[in-house]
Each structure stands twice: as structure tokens, then as C-alpha cells.
Amino acid sequence: MTLKFLGTTSENGNCPTLYEVVETGDIVVQGDRLIDTGHLEQLRDVKDSETFVVVPRELLTRFAPKE
């Protein structure tokens, strides 16, 4: 699997950051883990293998693929 760096809104190598899986076009998100229990309780259909990260809106609107 090859990751292509798409962009970040952070400085000094901190997250959040977006990557694209070259072979599939899927997006990988690097960010701070969501730990607020009130927010976690509102999530639905969560698999044991899933985790959640917080992504600033600016990162997605600036760097997420448009197509």
C-alpha cells in the first residue's frame, strides 16, 4: 500500500494530516483521537476495529479530493 501526502493545516509536523491510498483512492486521516465520552456515546454501528479522530473542517475543505 502506497500513501500519498495530501496536506495538513498543522505546523511543525503535528497532525491532523490527510493521505490518499494510491491503489484504491481511499483517504487516511491522521489526527487526535476522539475521547469525549459524550461524543462517543452518540456514534452508531461502531465495529471493534474502528477508531475515531477529530479533523478540523479547514483541513477537509482545503485538501480533500474534489472528485
C-alpha atoms as a PDB file:
ATOM      1  CA  MET A   1       0.000   0.000   0.000  1.00  0.00           C
ATOM      2  CA  THR A   2       1.385   3.382  -1.025  1.00  0.00           C
ATOM      3  CA  LEU A   3       0.308   6.550   0.774  1.00  0.00           C
ATOM      4  CA  LYS A   4       0.347   9.926  -0.960  1.00  0.00           C
ATOM      5  CA  PHE A   5       0.528  13.010   1.286  1.00  0.00           C
ATOM      6  CA  LEU A   6      -2.397  15.333   0.501  1.00  0.00           C
ATOM      7  CA  GLY A   7      -1.982  18.115   3.022  1.00  0.00           C
ATOM      8  CA  THR A   8      -2.081  19.395   6.559  1.00  0.00           C
ATOM      9  CA  THR A   9      -3.159  22.564   8.338  1.00  0.00           C
ATOM     10  CA  SER A  10      -0.810  21.986  11.258  1.00  0.00           C
ATOM     11  CA  GLU A  11       2.697  23.248  11.831  1.00  0.00           C
ATOM     12  CA  ASN A  12       5.905  21.513  12.911  1.00  0.00           C
ATOM     13  CA  GLY A  13       4.789  18.036  11.823  1.00  0.00           C
ATOM     14  CA  ASN A  14       1.792  17.808  14.139  1.00  0.00           C
ATOM     15  CA  CYS A  15      -1.465  16.278  12.989  1.00  0.00           C
ATOM     16  CA  PRO A  16      -4.051  16.451  11.513  1.00  0.00           C
ATOM     17  CA  THR A  17      -2.987  15.272   8.091  1.00  0.00           C
ATOM     18  CA  LEU A  18      -4.699  13.699   5.066  1.00  0.00           C
ATOM     19  CA  TYR A  19      -3.245  10.935   2.886  1.00  0.00           C
ATOM     20  CA  GLU A  20      -4.594   9.041  -0.126  1.00  0.00           C
ATOM     21  CA  VAL A  21      -4.105   5.309  -0.645  1.00  0.00           C
ATOM     22  CA  VAL A  22      -2.755   5.391  -4.192  1.00  0.00           C
ATOM     23  CA  GLU A  23      -4.001   1.936  -5.156  1.00  0.00           C
ATOM     24  CA  THR A  24      -7.612   2.471  -4.018  1.00  0.00           C
ATOM     25  CA  GLY A  25      -8.199   6.212  -3.758  1.00  0.00           C
ATOM     26  CA  ASP A  26      -9.254   5.777  -0.109  1.00  0.00           C
ATOM     27  CA  ILE A  27      -8.416   8.590   2.315  1.00  0.00           C
ATOM     28  CA  VAL A  28      -6.413   8.070   5.514  1.00  0.00           C
ATOM     29  CA  VAL A  29      -6.829  10.628   8.296  1.00  0.00           C
ATOM     30  CA  GLN A  30      -4.206  11.275  10.949  1.00  0.00           C
ATOM     31  CA  GLY A  31      -5.474  13.248  13.918  1.00  0.00           C
ATOM     32  CA  ASP A  32      -6.146  13.392  17.606  1.00  0.00           C
ATOM     33  CA  ARG A  33      -8.265  10.509  18.875  1.00  0.00           C
ATOM     34  CA  LEU A  34     -11.836  11.359  19.869  1.00  0.00           C
ATOM     35  CA  ILE A  35     -12.010  10.698  23.609  1.00  0.00           C
ATOM     36  CA  ASP A  36     -15.023  12.764  24.718  1.00  0.00           C
ATOM     37  CA  THR A  37     -17.396  10.154  26.171  1.00  0.00           C
ATOM     38  CA  GLY A  38     -20.442  12.275  25.345  1.00  0.00           C
ATOM     39  CA  HIS A  39     -19.489  12.304  21.681  1.00  0.00           C
ATOM     40  CA  LEU A  40     -18.508   8.624  21.643  1.00  0.00           C
ATOM     41  CA  GLU A  41     -21.910   7.643  23.049  1.00  0.00           C
ATOM     42  CA  GLN A  42     -23.605   9.295  20.060  1.00  0.00           C
ATOM     43  CA  LEU A  43     -21.768   7.216  17.442  1.00  0.00           C
ATOM     44  CA  ARG A  44     -23.685   4.396  15.755  1.00  0.00           C
ATOM     45  CA  ASP A  45     -22.818   0.955  14.399  1.00  0.00           C
ATOM     46  CA  VAL A  46     -19.260   1.011  15.744  1.00  0.00           C
ATOM     47  CA  LYS A  47     -17.085  -2.011  14.973  1.00  0.00           C
ATOM     48  CA  ASP A  48     -14.359  -3.186  17.371  1.00  0.00           C
ATOM     49  CA  SER A  49     -11.768  -2.412  14.673  1.00  0.00           C
ATOM     50  CA  GLU A  50     -12.819   1.238  14.293  1.00  0.00           C
ATOM     51  CA  THR A  51     -11.406   4.349  15.902  1.00  0.00           C
ATOM     52  CA  PHE A  52     -12.341   7.995  15.513  1.00  0.00           C
ATOM     53  CA  VAL A  53     -10.240  11.121  15.024  1.00  0.00           C
ATOM     54  CA  VAL A  54     -11.126  14.789  15.137  1.00  0.00           C
ATOM     55  CA  VAL A  55     -10.471  16.661  11.885  1.00  0.00           C
ATOM     56  CA  PRO A  56     -10.716  20.441  11.544  1.00  0.00           C
ATOM     57  CA  ARG A  57     -13.179  21.463   8.830  1.00  0.00           C
ATOM     58  CA  GLU A  58     -10.475  23.641   7.223  1.00  0.00           C
ATOM     59  CA  LEU A  59      -8.307  20.583   6.551  1.00  0.00           C
ATOM     60  CA  LEU A  60     -11.088  18.787   4.689  1.00  0.00           C
ATOM     61  CA  THR A  61     -12.279  21.777   2.693  1.00  0.00           C
ATOM     62  CA  ARG A  62      -8.731  22.695   1.726  1.00  0.00           C
ATOM     63  CA  PHE A  63      -7.149  19.335   0.908  1.00  0.00           C
ATOM     64  CA  ALA A  64      -9.824  16.634   0.474  1.00  0.00           C
ATOM     65  CA  PRO A  65     -10.104  15.402  -3.128  1.00  0.00           C
ATOM     66  CA  LYS A  66     -12.920  17.120  -5.022  1.00  0.00           C
ATOM     67  CA  GLU A  67     -13.763  14.265  -7.413  1.00  0.00           C
END
